[in-house]
Amino acid sequence: MAHSLLHQERYRHAFDHVGEPGSRLLIPTPALVCDLDLLSQNILLMASRVSAAGVSVRPHVKSHKSAFVARRQLEAGAVGLSCAKVAEAEAIVDRLASDGYDRPVSILLTSPLVGAASATRVADLAARCDLMAVADHPEGVDELAEACAAADVSVTVLCDVDVGTRRTGVIGPSEALVVVDRIAQSSHLDFGGVQGYGGHLQHIHDRGERRAGAEDSAQRLHVVIAALERSGHGVSLRTGGGTGTAVIDGDIGLLNELQPGSYVFMDREYHDALGDDPEGQFQQSLMVTTTVISANQPGFVTVDAGLKSMATDAGSPLVMGHESAERYEFFGDEHGLVTSGPHSSFRRGDRLELVPPHCDPTVDRYDFIWLVRDHVLVGVADVDARGCSQ
């Protein structure tokens, strides 16, 4: 939990009181704050659920972008980590190594890569971890093969399959065969299996509809797997899934590895979608702490967390402890408006906790996460892969 901010004067007052009762109130706001006990509970709950389903978990780093969290997921039994981008993987692998994590780390890059420069970075990264990449076009395979041959390294490549999201992936078995045949032709690439991520399913509110969608996606993936196996390609790894379909995917049984990400933190969007479903049983561990900076107007107060403090693609945050009575509205780049009804008495200097609408891009707005237990500040965790979008 070491961080350069320990030496920054503006944070000294908070760190002088780490571990003391009430020290949480000394965190400068707006701030990204995580309840360490709830985070740990979420990690262990997912680990136990996938174990009971007989599948592996490869959590997605894009939700937390932190080697601190990634290490705890690995220590709880994760077989490896999923990373959306090369830069994200580079940051996490390097930070784990610098922190003394001496076990081999298995990394899956879940987005197809384009261009020789990206392929060269993948080959360089393969020398520092057990690396897998995905491809959905034969040209992407060729670029990876050339870079790996030049670096004399081997990379396992999965065929990315579109299972309904329509974002990436081959669209059917004939296209998959072209990609996989090309992988098999390279002496520096190994075919490892398929990826089928149903991103379009994760926030469906009705669980029956979510399950029907997951079954349809599984059938699309099964058709591709069957075609590959008939052509002599063994499909050992079948990876995909997310927080919203984690239990459902385990029940369906086609995937043998899941890639959930948001379960470590949760957010308002998932809370609204999953409710009391089994997939919604993870705790809200992440919040944006904000301070009332003005209470002069009737009916509302102004807080110091605005558009720059959290992602807005999924609407507004919830005000924790006041979810049904008070409402947050964005009030500018630096400010938010929180309604103050007849039964509330928010005053200047009061601290409020906001449930982020969408945790992934909210985390990417911060350099670090303050770690707390109840009212006690216990440390910070770097957002090591902040801004790593290449």
Protein backbone atom coordinates (compact mmCIF):
# COMPACT_ATOMS: atom_id res chain seq x y z
CA MET A 1 0.00 0.00 0.00
CA ALA A 2 3.04 2.27 -0.32
CA HIS A 3 2.55 5.30 -2.50
CA SER A 4 4.46 8.45 -3.38
CA LEU A 5 1.65 10.53 -1.90
CA LEU A 6 2.98 9.54 1.51
CA HIS A 7 5.60 12.22 0.89
CA GLN A 8 3.20 14.86 -0.39
CA GLU A 9 2.45 17.60 2.11
CA ARG A 10 -1.22 17.91 1.17
CA TYR A 11 -1.87 14.34 2.33
CA ARG A 12 0.38 14.39 5.38
CA HIS A 13 -2.38 15.22 7.84
CA ALA A 14 -4.36 12.12 6.82
CA PHE A 15 -1.35 9.80 6.88
CA ASP A 16 -0.17 11.07 10.23
CA HIS A 17 -3.34 9.49 11.63
CA VAL A 18 -3.53 6.20 9.70
CA GLY A 19 -4.98 3.48 11.91
CA GLU A 20 -6.57 5.90 14.36
CA PRO A 21 -10.33 5.97 15.06
CA GLY A 22 -12.02 8.60 12.91
CA SER A 23 -9.07 8.98 10.54
CA ARG A 24 -11.38 8.29 7.57
CA LEU A 25 -12.74 11.82 8.09
CA LEU A 26 -9.31 13.25 7.28
CA ILE A 27 -9.28 11.99 3.67
CA PRO A 28 -9.24 15.03 1.33
CA THR A 29 -12.29 15.09 -0.95
CA PRO A 30 -13.45 14.32 -3.52
CA ALA A 31 -11.85 10.91 -3.07
CA LEU A 32 -12.22 7.34 -4.28
CA VAL A 33 -12.63 5.20 -1.18
CA CYS A 34 -12.85 1.42 -0.77
CA ASP A 35 -13.99 -0.56 2.25
CA LEU A 36 -11.20 -3.13 2.49
CA ASP A 37 -13.27 -5.73 4.35
CA LEU A 38 -16.11 -5.60 1.82
CA LEU A 39 -13.60 -5.81 -1.03
CA SER A 40 -12.10 -8.95 0.53
CA GLN A 41 -15.54 -10.47 1.05
CA ASN A 42 -16.42 -9.91 -2.61
CA ILE A 43 -13.19 -11.52 -3.80
CA LEU A 44 -13.74 -14.57 -1.60
CA LEU A 45 -17.41 -14.88 -2.55
CA MET A 46 -16.62 -15.00 -6.26
CA ALA A 47 -13.79 -17.45 -5.63
CA SER A 48 -16.11 -19.79 -3.73
CA ARG A 49 -18.88 -19.54 -6.34
CA VAL A 50 -16.71 -20.40 -9.31
CA SER A 51 -15.08 -23.20 -7.36
CA ALA A 52 -18.49 -24.67 -6.54
CA ALA A 53 -19.41 -24.45 -10.24
CA GLY A 54 -16.21 -26.23 -11.25
CA VAL A 55 -14.88 -23.35 -13.35
CA SER A 56 -11.89 -21.04 -13.05
CA VAL A 57 -11.92 -17.29 -12.58
CA ARG A 58 -9.68 -14.85 -14.44
CA PRO A 59 -10.86 -11.47 -13.09
CA HIS A 60 -10.86 -8.46 -15.36
CA VAL A 61 -8.36 -5.79 -14.32
CA LYS A 62 -10.22 -3.08 -16.27
CA SER A 63 -12.56 -2.60 -13.31
CA HIS A 64 -9.94 -1.79 -10.69
CA LYS A 65 -6.66 -1.23 -12.62
CA SER A 66 -4.74 -1.91 -9.42
CA ALA A 67 -2.00 -4.42 -8.68
CA PHE A 68 -3.08 -4.26 -5.04
CA VAL A 69 -6.50 -5.69 -5.89
CA ALA A 70 -5.13 -8.04 -8.56
CA ARG A 71 -2.74 -9.63 -6.10
CA ARG A 72 -5.55 -10.35 -3.67
CA GLN A 73 -7.56 -11.95 -6.46
CA LEU A 74 -4.61 -14.15 -7.41
CA GLU A 75 -4.01 -15.11 -3.79
CA ALA A 76 -7.68 -16.07 -3.51
CA GLY A 77 -7.29 -18.62 -6.31
CA ALA A 78 -7.69 -16.76 -9.59
CA VAL A 79 -5.86 -18.58 -12.39
CA GLY A 80 -4.73 -15.31 -13.88
CA LEU A 81 -5.89 -11.86 -14.91
CA SER A 82 -7.81 -10.46 -17.85
CA CYS A 83 -6.65 -7.13 -19.27
CA ALA A 84 -8.41 -5.06 -21.89
CA LYS A 85 -5.30 -3.37 -23.29
CA VAL A 86 -1.57 -4.04 -23.56
CA ALA A 87 -0.68 -0.95 -21.50
CA GLU A 88 -2.97 -2.15 -18.72
CA ALA A 89 -1.23 -5.52 -18.64
CA GLU A 90 2.22 -3.92 -18.75
CA ALA A 91 1.43 -1.70 -15.75
CA ILE A 92 -0.01 -4.52 -13.64
CA VAL A 93 2.69 -7.09 -14.46
CA ASP A 94 5.47 -4.61 -13.75
CA ARG A 95 3.93 -3.41 -10.47
CA LEU A 96 3.36 -6.97 -9.22
CA ALA A 97 7.01 -7.74 -9.95
CA SER A 98 8.27 -4.58 -8.22
CA ASP A 99 6.13 -5.42 -5.19
CA GLY A 100 7.84 -8.79 -4.90
CA TYR A 101 5.09 -11.02 -6.28
CA ASP A 102 7.32 -13.85 -7.49
CA ARG A 103 4.82 -16.33 -8.94
CA PRO A 104 4.32 -16.55 -12.71
CA VAL A 105 1.34 -14.41 -13.69
CA SER A 106 -0.99 -15.56 -16.45
CA ILE A 107 -2.41 -12.64 -18.45
CA LEU A 108 -5.13 -12.71 -21.09
CA LEU A 109 -5.43 -9.70 -23.39
CA THR A 110 -9.14 -9.68 -24.18
CA SER A 111 -9.19 -7.14 -27.04
CA PRO A 112 -7.93 -7.94 -30.57
CA LEU A 113 -4.74 -6.11 -31.53
CA VAL A 114 -3.96 -4.20 -34.72
CA GLY A 115 -0.56 -3.30 -36.14
CA ALA A 116 3.07 -4.29 -35.85
CA ALA A 117 3.77 -1.89 -32.99
CA SER A 118 1.10 -3.44 -30.76
CA ALA A 119 2.23 -6.94 -31.70
CA THR A 120 5.82 -6.07 -30.77
CA ARG A 121 4.66 -4.87 -27.35
CA VAL A 122 2.83 -8.16 -26.88
CA ALA A 123 5.98 -10.10 -27.72
CA ASP A 124 7.97 -7.99 -25.26
CA LEU A 125 5.37 -8.55 -22.55
CA ALA A 126 5.40 -12.31 -23.20
CA ALA A 127 8.94 -12.39 -21.87
CA ARG A 128 7.67 -11.14 -18.48
CA CYS A 129 4.54 -13.24 -17.96
CA ASP A 130 2.54 -16.19 -19.21
CA LEU A 131 0.70 -14.35 -21.97
CA MET A 132 -2.40 -15.12 -23.99
CA ALA A 133 -3.94 -12.87 -26.64
CA VAL A 134 -7.10 -13.01 -28.75
CA ALA A 135 -7.54 -12.61 -32.49
CA ASP A 136 -10.59 -12.30 -34.71
CA HIS A 137 -8.88 -11.78 -38.08
CA PRO A 138 -6.08 -13.65 -39.87
CA GLU A 139 -4.10 -10.41 -40.35
CA GLY A 140 -3.98 -9.99 -36.59
CA VAL A 141 -2.62 -13.51 -36.28
CA ASP A 142 0.07 -12.76 -38.85
CA GLU A 143 1.13 -9.60 -37.01
CA LEU A 144 1.45 -11.52 -33.73
CA ALA A 145 3.31 -14.37 -35.41
CA GLU A 146 5.86 -12.05 -37.01
CA ALA A 147 6.52 -10.15 -33.77
CA CYS A 148 6.86 -13.32 -31.71
CA ALA A 149 9.21 -14.88 -34.24
CA ALA A 150 11.39 -11.75 -34.17
CA ALA A 151 11.55 -11.88 -30.37
CA ASP A 152 11.79 -15.69 -30.28
CA VAL A 153 8.91 -16.02 -27.82
CA SER A 154 5.71 -18.04 -27.88
CA VAL A 155 2.22 -16.71 -27.23
CA THR A 156 -1.02 -18.60 -26.84
CA VAL A 157 -3.78 -17.16 -29.00
CA LEU A 158 -7.53 -17.59 -28.54
CA CYS A 159 -10.11 -17.11 -31.25
CA ASP A 160 -12.40 -14.26 -30.21
CA VAL A 161 -16.01 -15.13 -31.06
CA ASP A 162 -18.91 -12.71 -31.31
CA VAL A 163 -21.69 -14.17 -29.13
CA GLY A 164 -24.12 -11.30 -29.62
CA THR A 165 -22.37 -8.16 -28.44
CA ARG A 166 -21.21 -7.41 -32.03
CA ARG A 167 -18.19 -5.48 -30.78
CA THR A 168 -15.36 -7.86 -31.64
CA GLY A 169 -15.03 -11.50 -32.61
CA VAL A 170 -15.49 -13.73 -35.63
CA ILE A 171 -19.12 -13.95 -36.62
CA GLY A 172 -19.31 -17.67 -37.29
CA PRO A 173 -17.56 -21.03 -37.60
CA SER A 174 -16.13 -20.52 -41.10
CA GLU A 175 -14.43 -17.29 -40.04
CA ALA A 176 -13.19 -18.98 -36.87
CA LEU A 177 -11.62 -21.79 -38.89
CA VAL A 178 -9.65 -19.31 -41.00
CA VAL A 179 -8.27 -17.63 -37.87
CA VAL A 180 -7.45 -20.86 -36.04
CA ASP A 181 -5.85 -22.47 -39.08
CA ARG A 182 -3.61 -19.41 -39.37
CA ILE A 183 -2.63 -19.69 -35.70
CA ALA A 184 -1.75 -23.35 -36.18
CA GLN A 185 0.57 -22.48 -39.07
CA SER A 186 2.85 -20.37 -36.88
CA SER A 187 5.73 -21.96 -34.99
CA HIS A 188 5.59 -19.18 -32.36
CA LEU A 189 1.84 -19.23 -31.69
CA ASP A 190 -0.22 -21.86 -29.91
CA PHE A 191 -3.96 -22.18 -30.28
CA GLY A 192 -5.46 -22.19 -26.80
CA GLY A 193 -9.24 -22.04 -27.23
CA VAL A 194 -12.00 -19.46 -27.63
CA GLN A 195 -13.27 -16.32 -25.99
CA GLY A 196 -16.97 -15.48 -26.00
CA TYR A 197 -17.84 -12.43 -23.90
CA GLY A 198 -21.51 -11.47 -23.67
CA GLY A 199 -21.10 -7.82 -22.76
CA HIS A 200 -24.64 -7.07 -23.95
CA LEU A 201 -26.06 -9.34 -21.25
CA GLN A 202 -24.46 -8.00 -18.11
CA HIS A 203 -26.98 -5.31 -17.15
CA ILE A 204 -30.26 -6.93 -18.22
CA HIS A 205 -32.65 -6.35 -15.31
CA ASP A 206 -34.84 -9.45 -15.64
CA ARG A 207 -32.86 -12.55 -14.68
CA GLY A 208 -34.97 -14.83 -16.85
CA GLU A 209 -34.23 -12.63 -19.85
CA ARG A 210 -30.56 -12.47 -18.85
CA ARG A 211 -30.41 -16.26 -18.66
CA ALA A 212 -32.14 -16.67 -22.03
CA GLY A 213 -29.58 -14.31 -23.54
CA ALA A 214 -26.72 -16.22 -21.94
CA GLU A 215 -28.08 -19.50 -23.30
CA ASP A 216 -28.30 -18.00 -26.79
CA SER A 217 -24.71 -16.75 -26.51
CA ALA A 218 -23.56 -20.16 -25.31
CA GLN A 219 -25.22 -21.78 -28.31
CA ARG A 220 -23.43 -19.39 -30.68
CA LEU A 221 -20.13 -20.26 -29.05
CA HIS A 222 -20.93 -23.99 -29.04
CA VAL A 223 -21.48 -23.95 -32.81
CA VAL A 224 -18.00 -22.50 -33.32
CA ILE A 225 -16.39 -24.92 -30.86
CA ALA A 226 -18.02 -27.89 -32.55
CA ALA A 227 -16.79 -26.78 -35.97
CA LEU A 228 -13.25 -26.30 -34.70
CA GLU A 229 -13.21 -29.69 -33.03
CA ARG A 230 -14.54 -31.41 -36.17
CA SER A 231 -11.59 -29.84 -38.00
CA GLY A 232 -9.13 -31.31 -35.52
CA HIS A 233 -8.53 -28.26 -33.31
CA GLY A 234 -8.77 -29.01 -29.60
CA VAL A 235 -10.60 -26.22 -27.76
CA SER A 236 -9.28 -26.54 -24.23
CA LEU A 237 -10.08 -23.05 -22.94
CA ARG A 238 -13.53 -21.48 -23.21
CA THR A 239 -13.41 -18.10 -21.49
CA GLY A 240 -15.87 -15.25 -21.13
CA GLY A 241 -18.72 -14.10 -18.95
CA GLY A 242 -18.94 -11.22 -16.52
CA THR A 243 -20.34 -10.13 -13.17
CA GLY A 244 -23.96 -10.03 -14.35
CA THR A 245 -23.94 -13.58 -15.74
CA ALA A 246 -21.37 -15.24 -13.48
CA VAL A 247 -23.73 -17.66 -11.75
CA ILE A 248 -25.77 -18.27 -14.90
CA ASP A 249 -22.67 -19.07 -16.98
CA GLY A 250 -21.55 -21.50 -14.29
CA ASP A 251 -24.94 -23.22 -14.46
CA ILE A 252 -24.95 -23.44 -18.27
CA GLY A 253 -21.54 -25.11 -18.15
CA LEU A 254 -20.05 -24.30 -21.55
CA LEU A 255 -17.47 -21.81 -20.30
CA ASN A 256 -14.73 -23.24 -18.12
CA GLU A 257 -13.28 -19.84 -17.20
CA LEU A 258 -15.06 -16.62 -16.22
CA GLN A 259 -13.88 -13.00 -16.56
CA PRO A 260 -15.92 -10.94 -14.05
CA GLY A 261 -14.59 -7.53 -13.11
CA SER A 262 -17.04 -5.21 -11.37
CA TYR A 263 -17.92 -7.67 -8.60
CA VAL A 264 -15.00 -6.43 -6.50
CA PHE A 265 -16.58 -2.95 -6.21
CA MET A 266 -20.10 -3.04 -7.66
CA ASP A 267 -21.82 0.19 -8.71
CA ARG A 268 -25.24 1.76 -9.10
CA GLU A 269 -25.77 0.37 -12.59
CA TYR A 270 -25.19 -3.22 -11.45
CA HIS A 271 -27.20 -2.63 -8.26
CA ASP A 272 -30.17 -1.49 -10.34
CA ALA A 273 -29.89 -4.39 -12.79
CA LEU A 274 -29.12 -7.32 -10.49
CA GLY A 275 -31.01 -6.41 -7.32
CA ASP A 276 -31.48 -9.50 -5.15
CA ASP A 277 -30.39 -11.94 -7.87
CA PRO A 278 -27.54 -14.32 -6.97
CA GLU A 279 -25.28 -12.24 -9.20
CA GLY A 280 -26.19 -9.15 -7.16
CA GLN A 281 -25.08 -10.45 -3.78
CA PHE A 282 -21.71 -8.71 -3.88
CA GLN A 283 -21.29 -5.75 -1.56
CA GLN A 284 -20.95 -2.10 -2.51
CA SER A 285 -17.31 -1.63 -1.50
CA LEU A 286 -16.40 1.44 -3.60
CA MET A 287 -17.62 4.97 -3.08
CA VAL A 288 -16.79 8.54 -3.93
CA THR A 289 -16.52 10.59 -0.75
CA THR A 290 -17.57 14.21 -1.15
CA THR A 291 -17.95 17.24 1.11
CA VAL A 292 -20.78 19.77 1.32
CA ILE A 293 -19.08 23.05 0.40
CA SER A 294 -22.17 25.27 0.34
CA ALA A 295 -25.56 24.98 2.04
CA ASN A 296 -26.97 28.44 1.40
CA GLN A 297 -29.78 27.52 -0.99
CA PRO A 298 -33.17 26.13 0.06
CA GLY A 299 -33.83 22.54 -0.98
CA PHE A 300 -30.29 21.50 -1.91
CA VAL A 301 -26.63 21.65 -1.00
CA THR A 302 -23.54 21.80 -3.20
CA VAL A 303 -20.82 19.15 -2.89
CA ASP A 304 -17.27 19.08 -4.28
CA ALA A 305 -17.71 16.00 -6.53
CA GLY A 306 -18.84 16.85 -10.04
CA LEU A 307 -18.39 15.65 -13.60
CA LYS A 308 -14.64 15.17 -13.13
CA SER A 309 -15.16 12.91 -10.12
CA MET A 310 -17.06 10.00 -11.67
CA ALA A 311 -18.22 8.53 -14.95
CA THR A 312 -21.57 9.79 -16.18
CA ASP A 313 -22.41 7.24 -18.88
CA ALA A 314 -24.73 5.34 -16.52
CA GLY A 315 -26.51 8.34 -15.00
CA SER A 316 -26.20 9.76 -11.51
CA PRO A 317 -24.80 8.21 -8.33
CA LEU A 318 -26.77 7.26 -5.24
CA VAL A 319 -26.31 9.08 -1.96
CA MET A 320 -25.47 6.27 0.48
CA GLY A 321 -27.79 6.15 3.45
CA HIS A 322 -30.21 8.53 1.72
CA GLU A 323 -31.03 6.53 -1.42
CA SER A 324 -34.80 7.01 -1.25
CA ALA A 325 -34.95 10.52 0.21
CA GLU A 326 -32.17 12.51 -1.48
CA ARG A 327 -31.00 12.81 -5.05
CA TYR A 328 -27.67 13.74 -6.62
CA GLU A 329 -27.49 15.82 -9.80
CA PHE A 330 -24.38 16.87 -11.70
CA PHE A 331 -23.87 20.59 -11.11
CA GLY A 332 -20.79 21.32 -13.21
CA ASP A 333 -17.26 20.02 -13.71
CA GLU A 334 -16.30 20.37 -10.05
CA HIS A 335 -19.63 20.32 -8.24
CA GLY A 336 -22.68 18.23 -7.54
CA LEU A 337 -26.14 19.10 -6.26
CA VAL A 338 -27.71 16.99 -3.52
CA THR A 339 -31.32 17.65 -2.71
CA SER A 340 -31.95 18.41 0.93
CA GLY A 341 -35.53 17.54 1.86
CA PRO A 342 -37.48 18.57 4.95
CA HIS A 343 -36.15 15.62 6.96
CA SER A 344 -32.47 16.12 6.13
CA SER A 345 -30.13 18.66 7.61
CA PHE A 346 -26.99 18.65 5.48
CA ARG A 347 -24.62 21.37 6.58
CA ARG A 348 -21.45 22.92 5.28
CA GLY A 349 -18.59 20.50 5.97
CA ASP A 350 -20.73 17.36 6.06
CA ARG A 351 -19.33 14.35 4.23
CA LEU A 352 -21.48 12.22 1.96
CA GLU A 353 -20.72 8.90 0.31
CA LEU A 354 -21.80 8.41 -3.31
CA VAL A 355 -22.29 5.06 -5.06
CA PRO A 356 -20.60 5.49 -8.47
CA PRO A 357 -22.91 4.93 -11.45
CA HIS A 358 -20.24 2.90 -13.32
CA CYS A 359 -17.17 1.78 -11.40
CA ASP A 360 -14.71 1.02 -14.24
CA PRO A 361 -14.36 4.51 -15.79
CA THR A 362 -14.80 6.14 -12.38
CA VAL A 363 -11.72 4.34 -11.06
CA ASP A 364 -9.79 5.53 -14.12
CA ARG A 365 -10.29 9.13 -12.96
CA TYR A 366 -8.13 8.63 -9.87
CA ASP A 367 -4.45 8.01 -9.15
CA PHE A 368 -5.16 6.00 -5.99
CA ILE A 369 -7.87 4.48 -3.84
CA TRP A 370 -8.10 5.27 -0.13
CA LEU A 371 -8.56 2.06 1.88
CA VAL A 372 -10.72 2.11 4.99
CA ARG A 373 -12.18 -0.17 7.62
CA ASP A 374 -15.30 1.40 9.12
CA HIS A 375 -14.17 4.86 10.24
CA VAL A 376 -10.45 4.08 10.10
CA LEU A 377 -8.06 4.94 7.25
CA VAL A 378 -5.72 1.98 6.76
CA GLY A 379 -3.79 2.98 3.62
CA VAL A 380 -3.98 3.58 -0.11
CA ALA A 381 -3.74 1.48 -3.27
CA ASP A 382 -2.37 2.83 -6.54
CA VAL A 383 -4.53 2.79 -9.64
CA ASP A 384 -1.46 1.52 -11.49
CA ALA A 385 -3.09 1.27 -14.91
CA ARG A 386 -4.89 4.61 -14.83
CA GLY A 387 -5.13 5.97 -18.37
CA CYS A 388 -3.62 2.82 -19.88
CA SER A 389 -5.93 2.66 -22.88
CA GLN A 390 -3.45 1.69 -25.63
